[in-house]
Amino acid sequence: MFSPHHVPVLFEEVIDLLNVRRGGTYADATLGLGGHSSLIARRLGPTGTLIAFDRDPEAMEKAQARFAELASELGAEMPRVRFEPRAFSEAKDVIEAKSLDGLLADFGVSSLQLDEAHRGFSFRTDGPLDMRMDTRSGETAEQVVNQADEEELANLIYEFGEERRSRRIARAIVRARPITTTAELAKVISAAAPSMKSDKIHPATRTFQAIRIRVNDELGEIRTLLESAPSLLKPGGRLAVISFHSLEDRMVKDAVRAGMKDGVWEPVTKKPVTATEDEMRRNPRSRSAKLRVAERKSSS
């Protein structure tokens, strides 16, 4: 069902906890290569509707091709699928209020983005410093790296990357500029803040994360989606969110807690759902995934 390069994280848990029902209306805020969405589509039947968002034009093109194959397979059982090639922060502008039975968001960077060197997301393959999810517009990672002053770089690496050695790294980046490729940047970071024995990740991981978050305004996008989710879901509809680092998870947890106080959310998962040992062996990228699910209450 899935290629070895694209395995949707926590896919069984997502489909079960999202409570996908035949004939329902569901939105996938982060279509990616269509892993989770294709599973949702299989359960919806011909009277169901799936609304799929992605601002990455390459991902959208590949996902649409995948859904064309799925339509051939399912035939008359294929639900209506509406593709929205835009940021998920715009969901409230194109989805009718209280129309969704479920809303899914997977905040992880897709395998397509990580594995394609020309996208510039990964330090493991050399490529241009881009990191934009929407390659049609916006500031690139190269512009951030080469134009931000040292203090600004240090602050974003510390805040978005949770990197304790942010000032040392920022100083090294400024001294080494101009930097134009992922390999160059990773080399500068590794020299400034080499791995320690206790480290389980590459020394450039947190800095690359921070720059990517800045380039794509990821936390702003997430904040907007979490704010609009209650107005999009029917009473009893569910929000399922997969996050991959503490900043994202904290935002989701805080939004649900605030909604509980306001009578908006009822938590379905008391604690985040994480990958099993078996899934982590099959898909190492699932190690840091956390799934939280909440249900829209009918009293507000």
C-alpha atoms as a PDB file:
ATOM      1  CA  MET A   1       0.000   0.000   0.000  1.00  0.00           C
ATOM      2  CA  PHE A   2       2.820   2.413   0.876  1.00  0.00           C
ATOM      3  CA  SER A   3       6.195   2.923  -0.741  1.00  0.00           C
ATOM      4  CA  PRO A   4       9.240   2.320   1.475  1.00  0.00           C
ATOM      5  CA  HIS A   5      10.009   6.032   1.190  1.00  0.00           C
ATOM      6  CA  HIS A   6       6.608   7.219   2.361  1.00  0.00           C
ATOM      7  CA  VAL A   7       5.023   5.539   5.331  1.00  0.00           C
ATOM      8  CA  PRO A   8       2.354   7.655   7.061  1.00  0.00           C
ATOM      9  CA  VAL A   9       3.114   7.967  10.754  1.00  0.00           C
ATOM     10  CA  LEU A  10       0.700   6.412  13.265  1.00  0.00           C
ATOM     11  CA  PHE A  11      -1.691   5.669  10.395  1.00  0.00           C
ATOM     12  CA  GLU A  12      -3.803   3.035  12.159  1.00  0.00           C
ATOM     13  CA  GLU A  13      -4.115   5.163  15.298  1.00  0.00           C
ATOM     14  CA  VAL A  14      -5.021   8.252  13.259  1.00  0.00           C
ATOM     15  CA  ILE A  15      -7.831   6.577  11.335  1.00  0.00           C
ATOM     16  CA  ASP A  16      -9.297   4.937  14.449  1.00  0.00           C
ATOM     17  CA  LEU A  17      -9.098   7.998  16.711  1.00  0.00           C
ATOM     18  CA  LEU A  18     -10.312  10.360  13.995  1.00  0.00           C
ATOM     19  CA  ASN A  19     -13.386   8.108  13.925  1.00  0.00           C
ATOM     20  CA  VAL A  20     -13.655   8.146  10.133  1.00  0.00           C
ATOM     21  CA  ARG A  21     -17.238   7.303   9.186  1.00  0.00           C
ATOM     22  CA  ARG A  22     -18.707   6.364   5.838  1.00  0.00           C
ATOM     23  CA  GLY A  23     -20.393   9.359   4.207  1.00  0.00           C
ATOM     24  CA  GLY A  24     -18.647  11.899   6.415  1.00  0.00           C
ATOM     25  CA  THR A  25     -16.758  15.063   5.529  1.00  0.00           C
ATOM     26  CA  TYR A  26     -13.105  15.218   6.516  1.00  0.00           C
ATOM     27  CA  ALA A  27     -10.198  17.551   5.869  1.00  0.00           C
ATOM     28  CA  ASP A  28      -6.516  16.717   5.717  1.00  0.00           C
ATOM     29  CA  ALA A  29      -4.638  19.951   6.403  1.00  0.00           C
ATOM     30  CA  THR A  30      -1.313  18.421   5.391  1.00  0.00           C
ATOM     31  CA  LEU A  31      -1.860  16.189   2.370  1.00  0.00           C
ATOM     32  CA  GLY A  32       1.814  15.502   1.639  1.00  0.00           C
ATOM     33  CA  LEU A  33       2.041  12.407  -0.542  1.00  0.00           C
ATOM     34  CA  GLY A  34      -1.462  11.331   0.453  1.00  0.00           C
ATOM     35  CA  GLY A  35      -0.690   8.532   2.892  1.00  0.00           C
ATOM     36  CA  HIS A  36      -3.221   9.369   5.586  1.00  0.00           C
ATOM     37  CA  SER A  37      -5.730  10.805   3.106  1.00  0.00           C
ATOM     38  CA  SER A  38      -5.823   7.680   0.988  1.00  0.00           C
ATOM     39  CA  LEU A  39      -6.747   5.665   4.076  1.00  0.00           C
ATOM     40  CA  ILE A  40      -9.474   8.145   4.953  1.00  0.00           C
ATOM     41  CA  ALA A  41     -10.808   8.004   1.391  1.00  0.00           C
ATOM     42  CA  ARG A  42     -11.098   4.218   1.528  1.00  0.00           C
ATOM     43  CA  ARG A  43     -13.492   4.507   4.476  1.00  0.00           C
ATOM     44  CA  LEU A  44     -15.659   7.365   3.214  1.00  0.00           C
ATOM     45  CA  GLY A  45     -17.517   5.708   0.340  1.00  0.00           C
ATOM     46  CA  PRO A  46     -19.159   7.539  -2.579  1.00  0.00           C
ATOM     47  CA  THR A  47     -21.218   9.876  -0.374  1.00  0.00           C
ATOM     48  CA  GLY A  48     -18.197  11.051   1.609  1.00  0.00           C
ATOM     49  CA  THR A  49     -16.078  14.129   1.022  1.00  0.00           C
ATOM     50  CA  LEU A  50     -12.368  14.678   1.568  1.00  0.00           C
ATOM     51  CA  ILE A  51     -10.821  18.166   1.439  1.00  0.00           C
ATOM     52  CA  ALA A  52      -7.030  18.054   1.055  1.00  0.00           C
ATOM     53  CA  PHE A  53      -4.653  20.970   1.623  1.00  0.00           C
ATOM     54  CA  ASP A  54      -1.005  21.373   0.719  1.00  0.00           C
ATOM     55  CA  ARG A  55       0.948  24.502  -0.176  1.00  0.00           C
ATOM     56  CA  ASP A  56       3.780  22.461  -1.688  1.00  0.00           C
ATOM     57  CA  PRO A  57       3.104  22.244  -5.449  1.00  0.00           C
ATOM     58  CA  GLU A  58       5.343  19.180  -5.907  1.00  0.00           C
ATOM     59  CA  ALA A  59       3.566  17.289  -3.139  1.00  0.00           C
ATOM     60  CA  MET A  60       0.155  18.271  -4.479  1.00  0.00           C
ATOM     61  CA  GLU A  61       1.008  17.038  -7.971  1.00  0.00           C
ATOM     62  CA  LYS A  62       2.238  13.668  -6.696  1.00  0.00           C
ATOM     63  CA  ALA A  63      -0.736  13.264  -4.356  1.00  0.00           C
ATOM     64  CA  GLN A  64      -3.203  13.987  -7.157  1.00  0.00           C
ATOM     65  CA  ALA A  65      -1.541  11.289  -9.267  1.00  0.00           C
ATOM     66  CA  ARG A  66      -1.837   8.884  -6.362  1.00  0.00           C
ATOM     67  CA  PHE A  67      -5.529   9.691  -5.951  1.00  0.00           C
ATOM     68  CA  ALA A  68      -6.121   9.120  -9.674  1.00  0.00           C
ATOM     69  CA  GLU A  69      -4.800   5.577  -9.155  1.00  0.00           C
ATOM     70  CA  LEU A  70      -6.963   5.189  -6.056  1.00  0.00           C
ATOM     71  CA  ALA A  71     -10.042   6.278  -8.012  1.00  0.00           C
ATOM     72  CA  SER A  72      -9.340   3.571 -10.589  1.00  0.00           C
ATOM     73  CA  GLU A  73      -9.040   1.029  -7.793  1.00  0.00           C
ATOM     74  CA  LEU A  74     -12.130   2.076  -5.811  1.00  0.00           C
ATOM     75  CA  GLY A  75     -14.368   2.846  -8.761  1.00  0.00           C
ATOM     76  CA  ALA A  76     -17.889   3.679  -7.603  1.00  0.00           C
ATOM     77  CA  GLU A  77     -16.722   3.607  -3.972  1.00  0.00           C
ATOM     78  CA  MET A  78     -14.443   6.624  -4.475  1.00  0.00           C
ATOM     79  CA  PRO A  79     -15.498   9.640  -2.394  1.00  0.00           C
ATOM     80  CA  ARG A  80     -15.513  13.211  -3.622  1.00  0.00           C
ATOM     81  CA  VAL A  81     -12.040  14.711  -3.207  1.00  0.00           C
ATOM     82  CA  ARG A  82     -11.423  18.446  -3.274  1.00  0.00           C
ATOM     83  CA  PHE A  83      -7.807  19.541  -3.570  1.00  0.00           C
ATOM     84  CA  GLU A  84      -6.831  22.887  -2.080  1.00  0.00           C
ATOM     85  CA  PRO A  85      -3.302  23.951  -3.171  1.00  0.00           C
ATOM     86  CA  ARG A  86      -2.861  26.450  -0.381  1.00  0.00           C
ATOM     87  CA  ALA A  87      -1.616  26.837   3.196  1.00  0.00           C
ATOM     88  CA  PHE A  88      -3.779  25.161   5.823  1.00  0.00           C
ATOM     89  CA  SER A  89      -4.050  28.469   7.660  1.00  0.00           C
ATOM     90  CA  GLU A  90      -6.537  29.394   4.918  1.00  0.00           C
ATOM     91  CA  ALA A  91      -8.869  26.489   5.763  1.00  0.00           C
ATOM     92  CA  LYS A  92     -11.354  28.816   7.432  1.00  0.00           C
ATOM     93  CA  ASP A  93     -11.665  30.755   4.161  1.00  0.00           C
ATOM     94  CA  VAL A  94     -12.687  27.767   2.018  1.00  0.00           C
ATOM     95  CA  ILE A  95     -14.438  25.345   4.388  1.00  0.00           C
ATOM     96  CA  GLU A  96     -18.010  25.952   5.508  1.00  0.00           C
ATOM     97  CA  ALA A  97     -18.446  26.486   9.239  1.00  0.00           C
ATOM     98  CA  LYS A  98     -19.419  23.394  11.254  1.00  0.00           C
ATOM     99  CA  SER A  99     -19.221  21.163   8.180  1.00  0.00           C
ATOM    100  CA  LEU A 100     -16.414  18.765   9.133  1.00  0.00           C
ATOM    101  CA  ASP A 101     -16.665  15.433  10.902  1.00  0.00           C
ATOM    102  CA  GLY A 102     -12.901  15.388  11.299  1.00  0.00           C
ATOM    103  CA  LEU A 103      -9.778  17.450  10.709  1.00  0.00           C
ATOM    104  CA  LEU A 104      -6.295  15.936  10.494  1.00  0.00           C
ATOM    105  CA  ALA A 105      -2.971  17.771  10.599  1.00  0.00           C
ATOM    106  CA  ASP A 106       0.455  16.103  10.423  1.00  0.00           C
ATOM    107  CA  PHE A 107       3.062  18.785  11.088  1.00  0.00           C
ATOM    108  CA  GLY A 108       6.041  16.687  10.068  1.00  0.00           C
ATOM    109  CA  VAL A 109       8.180  17.559   7.059  1.00  0.00           C
ATOM    110  CA  SER A 110       7.268  15.130   4.279  1.00  0.00           C
ATOM    111  CA  SER A 111       9.624  12.487   2.935  1.00  0.00           C
ATOM    112  CA  LEU A 112       9.404  14.214  -0.446  1.00  0.00           C
ATOM    113  CA  GLN A 113      10.809  17.410   1.039  1.00  0.00           C
ATOM    114  CA  LEU A 114      13.527  15.681   3.054  1.00  0.00           C
ATOM    115  CA  ASP A 115      14.677  13.264   0.375  1.00  0.00           C
ATOM    116  CA  GLU A 116      14.852  15.672  -2.560  1.00  0.00           C
ATOM    117  CA  ALA A 117      18.214  17.464  -2.383  1.00  0.00           C
ATOM    118  CA  HIS A 118      17.043  20.425  -4.478  1.00  0.00           C
ATOM    119  CA  ARG A 119      14.486  21.352  -1.816  1.00  0.00           C
ATOM    120  CA  GLY A 120      17.250  22.177   0.665  1.00  0.00           C
ATOM    121  CA  PHE A 121      15.528  20.789   3.768  1.00  0.00           C
ATOM    122  CA  SER A 122      18.149  18.239   4.762  1.00  0.00           C
ATOM    123  CA  PHE A 123      21.830  18.441   5.628  1.00  0.00           C
ATOM    124  CA  ARG A 124      22.253  14.777   4.663  1.00  0.00           C
ATOM    125  CA  THR A 125      22.245  15.589   0.947  1.00  0.00           C
ATOM    126  CA  ASP A 126      23.874  18.669  -0.551  1.00  0.00           C
ATOM    127  CA  GLY A 127      21.547  21.123  -2.222  1.00  0.00           C
ATOM    128  CA  PRO A 128      20.614  24.789  -2.439  1.00  0.00           C
ATOM    129  CA  LEU A 129      19.463  26.496   0.760  1.00  0.00           C
ATOM    130  CA  ASP A 130      15.764  26.803  -0.020  1.00  0.00           C
ATOM    131  CA  MET A 131      13.522  25.070   2.580  1.00  0.00           C
ATOM    132  CA  ARG A 132      10.317  26.682   1.288  1.00  0.00           C
ATOM    133  CA  MET A 133       7.278  24.416   1.377  1.00  0.00           C
ATOM    134  CA  ASP A 134       5.678  26.674  -1.227  1.00  0.00           C
ATOM    135  CA  THR A 135       8.458  27.112  -3.766  1.00  0.00           C
ATOM    136  CA  ARG A 136       6.465  29.706  -5.686  1.00  0.00           C
ATOM    137  CA  SER A 137       7.013  32.559  -3.259  1.00  0.00           C
ATOM    138  CA  GLY A 138       8.567  33.739  -0.029  1.00  0.00           C
ATOM    139  CA  GLU A 139      11.946  34.124   1.595  1.00  0.00           C
ATOM    140  CA  THR A 140      14.440  31.273   1.157  1.00  0.00           C
ATOM    141  CA  ALA A 141      16.715  29.776   3.788  1.00  0.00           C
ATOM    142  CA  GLU A 142      19.672  31.256   1.912  1.00  0.00           C
ATOM    143  CA  GLN A 143      18.236  34.737   2.379  1.00  0.00           C
ATOM    144  CA  VAL A 144      17.685  34.156   6.102  1.00  0.00           C
ATOM    145  CA  VAL A 145      21.160  32.713   6.621  1.00  0.00           C
ATOM    146  CA  ASN A 146      22.932  35.467   4.724  1.00  0.00           C
ATOM    147  CA  GLN A 147      20.842  38.528   5.528  1.00  0.00           C
ATOM    148  CA  ALA A 148      19.751  38.191   9.174  1.00  0.00           C
ATOM    149  CA  ASP A 149      22.097  39.820  11.672  1.00  0.00           C
ATOM    150  CA  GLU A 150      23.914  37.768  14.282  1.00  0.00           C
ATOM    151  CA  GLU A 151      21.507  38.527  17.124  1.00  0.00           C
ATOM    152  CA  GLU A 152      18.464  37.686  15.016  1.00  0.00           C
ATOM    153  CA  LEU A 153      20.029  34.396  13.921  1.00  0.00           C
ATOM    154  CA  ALA A 154      20.957  33.486  17.478  1.00  0.00           C
ATOM    155  CA  ASN A 155      17.469  34.235  18.739  1.00  0.00           C
ATOM    156  CA  LEU A 156      15.664  32.213  16.073  1.00  0.00           C
ATOM    157  CA  ILE A 157      18.050  29.244  16.477  1.00  0.00           C
ATOM    158  CA  TYR A 158      17.471  29.323  20.235  1.00  0.00           C
ATOM    159  CA  GLU A 159      13.700  29.835  20.086  1.00  0.00           C
ATOM    160  CA  PHE A 160      12.714  27.663  17.127  1.00  0.00           C
ATOM    161  CA  GLY A 161      15.530  25.113  17.369  1.00  0.00           C
ATOM    162  CA  GLU A 162      15.808  24.995  21.163  1.00  0.00           C
ATOM    163  CA  GLU A 163      19.556  25.020  20.584  1.00  0.00           C
ATOM    164  CA  ARG A 164      21.592  25.988  23.662  1.00  0.00           C
ATOM    165  CA  ARG A 165      24.659  26.857  21.583  1.00  0.00           C
ATOM    166  CA  SER A 166      22.737  29.273  19.380  1.00  0.00           C
ATOM    167  CA  ARG A 167      25.023  32.276  19.865  1.00  0.00           C
ATOM    168  CA  ARG A 168      28.148  30.313  18.996  1.00  0.00           C
ATOM    169  CA  ILE A 169      26.464  28.930  15.884  1.00  0.00           C
ATOM    170  CA  ALA A 170      25.119  32.331  14.803  1.00  0.00           C
ATOM    171  CA  ARG A 171      28.569  33.879  15.183  1.00  0.00           C
ATOM    172  CA  ALA A 172      30.118  31.147  13.038  1.00  0.00           C
ATOM    173  CA  ILE A 173      27.450  31.531  10.343  1.00  0.00           C
ATOM    174  CA  VAL A 174      27.997  35.281  10.082  1.00  0.00           C
ATOM    175  CA  ARG A 175      31.771  34.812   9.805  1.00  0.00           C
ATOM    176  CA  ALA A 176      31.402  32.172   7.086  1.00  0.00           C
ATOM    177  CA  ARG A 177      28.939  34.082   4.882  1.00  0.00           C
ATOM    178  CA  PRO A 178      27.998  33.874   2.092  1.00  0.00           C
ATOM    179  CA  ILE A 179      26.657  30.329   2.552  1.00  0.00           C
ATOM    180  CA  THR A 180      24.685  28.906  -0.363  1.00  0.00           C
ATOM    181  CA  THR A 181      24.286  25.152   0.150  1.00  0.00           C
ATOM    182  CA  THR A 182      23.037  22.780   2.834  1.00  0.00           C
ATOM    183  CA  ALA A 183      26.432  21.049   3.035  1.00  0.00           C
ATOM    184  CA  GLU A 184      28.227  24.360   3.617  1.00  0.00           C
ATOM    185  CA  LEU A 185      25.818  25.333   6.380  1.00  0.00           C
ATOM    186  CA  ALA A 186      26.006  21.926   8.073  1.00  0.00           C
ATOM    187  CA  LYS A 187      29.815  22.072   7.994  1.00  0.00           C
ATOM    188  CA  VAL A 188      29.871  25.526   9.617  1.00  0.00           C
ATOM    189  CA  ILE A 189      27.438  24.428  12.339  1.00  0.00           C
ATOM    190  CA  SER A 190      29.298  21.178  13.043  1.00  0.00           C
ATOM    191  CA  ALA A 191      32.599  23.022  13.418  1.00  0.00           C
ATOM    192  CA  ALA A 192      31.082  25.612  15.757  1.00  0.00           C
ATOM    193  CA  ALA A 193      29.095  23.161  17.878  1.00  0.00           C
ATOM    194  CA  PRO A 194      30.411  19.619  17.375  1.00  0.00           C
ATOM    195  CA  SER A 195      28.535  16.587  18.652  1.00  0.00           C
ATOM    196  CA  MET A 196      28.942  15.650  22.290  1.00  0.00           C
ATOM    197  CA  LYS A 197      28.863  12.084  23.567  1.00  0.00           C
ATOM    198  CA  SER A 198      25.335  12.517  24.894  1.00  0.00           C
ATOM    199  CA  ASP A 199      23.975  13.770  21.545  1.00  0.00           C
ATOM    200  CA  LYS A 200      21.684  11.444  19.612  1.00  0.00           C
ATOM    201  CA  ILE A 201      21.210  13.805  16.660  1.00  0.00           C
ATOM    202  CA  HIS A 202      23.424  15.539  14.117  1.00  0.00           C
ATOM    203  CA  PRO A 203      24.742  18.883  15.425  1.00  0.00           C
ATOM    204  CA  ALA A 204      22.994  20.734  12.566  1.00  0.00           C
ATOM    205  CA  THR A 205      19.543  19.266  13.262  1.00  0.00           C
ATOM    206  CA  ARG A 206      18.193  21.978  15.552  1.00  0.00           C
ATOM    207  CA  THR A 207      19.547  24.869  13.495  1.00  0.00           C
ATOM    208  CA  PHE A 208      18.079  23.482  10.273  1.00  0.00           C
ATOM    209  CA  GLN A 209      14.759  23.018  12.080  1.00  0.00           C
ATOM    210  CA  ALA A 210      14.830  26.608  13.300  1.00  0.00           C
ATOM    211  CA  ILE A 211      15.547  28.065   9.868  1.00  0.00           C
ATOM    212  CA  ARG A 212      12.840  25.904   8.261  1.00  0.00           C
ATOM    213  CA  ILE A 213      10.273  27.026  10.829  1.00  0.00           C
ATOM    214  CA  ARG A 214      11.186  30.663  10.194  1.00  0.00           C
ATOM    215  CA  VAL A 215      11.104  30.353   6.386  1.00  0.00           C
ATOM    216  CA  ASN A 216       7.645  28.774   6.401  1.00  0.00           C
ATOM    217  CA  ASP A 217       6.171  30.597   9.417  1.00  0.00           C
ATOM    218  CA  GLU A 218       5.220  27.146  10.663  1.00  0.00           C
ATOM    219  CA  LEU A 219       4.214  28.152  14.178  1.00  0.00           C
ATOM    220  CA  GLY A 220       2.048  30.986  12.865  1.00  0.00           C
ATOM    221  CA  GLU A 221       0.359  28.561  10.473  1.00  0.00           C
ATOM    222  CA  ILE A 222      -0.282  26.092  13.289  1.00  0.00           C
ATOM    223  CA  ARG A 223      -1.650  28.803  15.579  1.00  0.00           C
ATOM    224  CA  THR A 224      -4.131  29.935  12.930  1.00  0.00           C
ATOM    225  CA  LEU A 225      -5.319  26.377  12.239  1.00  0.00           C
ATOM    226  CA  LEU A 226      -5.804  25.616  15.938  1.00  0.00           C
ATOM    227  CA  GLU A 227      -7.778  28.828  16.390  1.00  0.00           C
ATOM    228  CA  SER A 228     -10.077  28.097  13.450  1.00  0.00           C
ATOM    229  CA  ALA A 229     -10.562  24.342  14.032  1.00  0.00           C
ATOM    230  CA  PRO A 230     -13.487  24.636  16.494  1.00  0.00           C
ATOM    231  CA  SER A 231     -15.509  26.719  14.031  1.00  0.00           C
ATOM    232  CA  LEU A 232     -14.959  24.201  11.208  1.00  0.00           C
ATOM    233  CA  LEU A 233     -15.982  21.048  13.082  1.00  0.00           C
ATOM    234  CA  LYS A 234     -19.495  19.810  13.708  1.00  0.00           C
ATOM    235  CA  PRO A 235     -20.424  19.017  17.306  1.00  0.00           C
ATOM    236  CA  GLY A 236     -18.858  15.611  17.880  1.00  0.00           C
ATOM    237  CA  GLY A 237     -16.295  16.200  15.126  1.00  0.00           C
ATOM    238  CA  ARG A 238     -12.691  15.391  15.929  1.00  0.00           C
ATOM    239  CA  LEU A 239      -9.364  17.160  15.568  1.00  0.00           C
ATOM    240  CA  ALA A 240      -6.313  14.887  15.232  1.00  0.00           C
ATOM    241  CA  VAL A 241      -2.864  16.467  15.265  1.00  0.00           C
ATOM    242  CA  ILE A 242       0.552  14.848  14.842  1.00  0.00           C
ATOM    243  CA  SER A 243       3.504  16.933  15.985  1.00  0.00           C
ATOM    244  CA  PHE A 244       7.203  16.188  15.876  1.00  0.00           C
ATOM    245  CA  HIS A 245       8.878  18.580  18.276  1.00  0.00           C
ATOM    246  CA  SER A 246       8.094  20.182  21.600  1.00  0.00           C
ATOM    247  CA  LEU A 247       7.137  23.622  20.271  1.00  0.00           C
ATOM    248  CA  GLU A 248       4.372  22.156  18.099  1.00  0.00           C
ATOM    249  CA  ASP A 249       3.162  19.723  20.748  1.00  0.00           C
ATOM    250  CA  ARG A 250       3.038  22.463  23.375  1.00  0.00           C
ATOM    251  CA  MET A 251       0.886  24.622  21.105  1.00  0.00           C
ATOM    252  CA  VAL A 252      -1.562  21.764  20.517  1.00  0.00           C
ATOM    253  CA  LYS A 253      -1.699  20.831  24.195  1.00  0.00           C
ATOM    254  CA  ASP A 254      -2.246  24.440  25.261  1.00  0.00           C
ATOM    255  CA  ALA A 255      -4.965  24.998  22.642  1.00  0.00           C
ATOM    256  CA  VAL A 256      -6.886  21.910  23.763  1.00  0.00           C
ATOM    257  CA  ARG A 257      -6.549  22.839  27.438  1.00  0.00           C
ATOM    258  CA  ALA A 258      -7.798  26.357  26.775  1.00  0.00           C
ATOM    259  CA  GLY A 259     -10.678  24.921  24.747  1.00  0.00           C
ATOM    260  CA  MET A 260     -11.589  22.577  27.582  1.00  0.00           C
ATOM    261  CA  LYS A 261     -11.919  25.541  29.936  1.00  0.00           C
ATOM    262  CA  ASP A 262     -14.144  27.294  27.398  1.00  0.00           C
ATOM    263  CA  GLY A 263     -16.292  24.208  26.879  1.00  0.00           C
ATOM    264  CA  VAL A 264     -15.093  23.745  23.291  1.00  0.00           C
ATOM    265  CA  TRP A 265     -12.968  20.589  23.435  1.00  0.00           C
ATOM    266  CA  GLU A 266     -13.268  17.196  25.087  1.00  0.00           C
ATOM    267  CA  PRO A 267      -9.920  15.354  24.951  1.00  0.00           C
ATOM    268  CA  VAL A 268     -10.050  11.926  23.321  1.00  0.00           C
ATOM    269  CA  THR A 269      -6.428  11.174  24.192  1.00  0.00           C
ATOM    270  CA  LYS A 270      -5.437  12.019  27.780  1.00  0.00           C
ATOM    271  CA  LYS A 271      -1.779  11.668  26.835  1.00  0.00           C
ATOM    272  CA  PRO A 272      -0.178  11.846  23.389  1.00  0.00           C
ATOM    273  CA  VAL A 273      -0.180   8.631  21.387  1.00  0.00           C
ATOM    274  CA  THR A 274       3.285   7.586  20.241  1.00  0.00           C
ATOM    275  CA  ALA A 275       4.618   4.999  17.821  1.00  0.00           C
ATOM    276  CA  THR A 276       5.044   1.380  18.840  1.00  0.00           C
ATOM    277  CA  GLU A 277       8.477  -0.223  18.897  1.00  0.00           C
ATOM    278  CA  ASP A 278       7.525  -2.103  15.738  1.00  0.00           C
ATOM    279  CA  GLU A 279       6.590   1.093  13.882  1.00  0.00           C
ATOM    280  CA  MET A 280       9.772   2.824  15.016  1.00  0.00           C
ATOM    281  CA  ARG A 281      11.801  -0.049  13.595  1.00  0.00           C
ATOM    282  CA  ARG A 282       9.946   0.141  10.290  1.00  0.00           C
ATOM    283  CA  ASN A 283       9.856   3.932  10.144  1.00  0.00           C
ATOM    284  CA  PRO A 284      12.551   5.705  12.224  1.00  0.00           C
ATOM    285  CA  ARG A 285      10.932   9.083  11.493  1.00  0.00           C
ATOM    286  CA  SER A 286       8.025   8.066  13.730  1.00  0.00           C
ATOM    287  CA  ARG A 287      10.189   8.137  16.869  1.00  0.00           C
ATOM    288  CA  SER A 288       9.403  11.735  17.749  1.00  0.00           C
ATOM    289  CA  ALA A 289       5.764  11.732  16.587  1.00  0.00           C
ATOM    290  CA  LYS A 290       3.020  12.608  19.085  1.00  0.00           C
ATOM    291  CA  LEU A 291      -0.672  12.319  18.255  1.00  0.00           C
ATOM    292  CA  ARG A 292      -3.273  14.284  20.203  1.00  0.00           C
ATOM    293  CA  VAL A 293      -7.017  14.046  19.496  1.00  0.00           C
ATOM    294  CA  ALA A 294      -9.875  16.187  20.797  1.00  0.00           C
ATOM    295  CA  GLU A 295     -13.612  16.157  20.124  1.00  0.00           C
ATOM    296  CA  ARG A 296     -15.725  19.260  19.486  1.00  0.00           C
ATOM    297  CA  LYS A 297     -18.294  19.579  22.240  1.00  0.00           C
ATOM    298  CA  SER A 298     -21.876  20.443  21.366  1.00  0.00           C
ATOM    299  CA  SER A 299     -22.456  22.839  24.251  1.00  0.00           C
ATOM    300  CA  SER A 300     -20.629  25.824  22.764  1.00  0.00           C
END
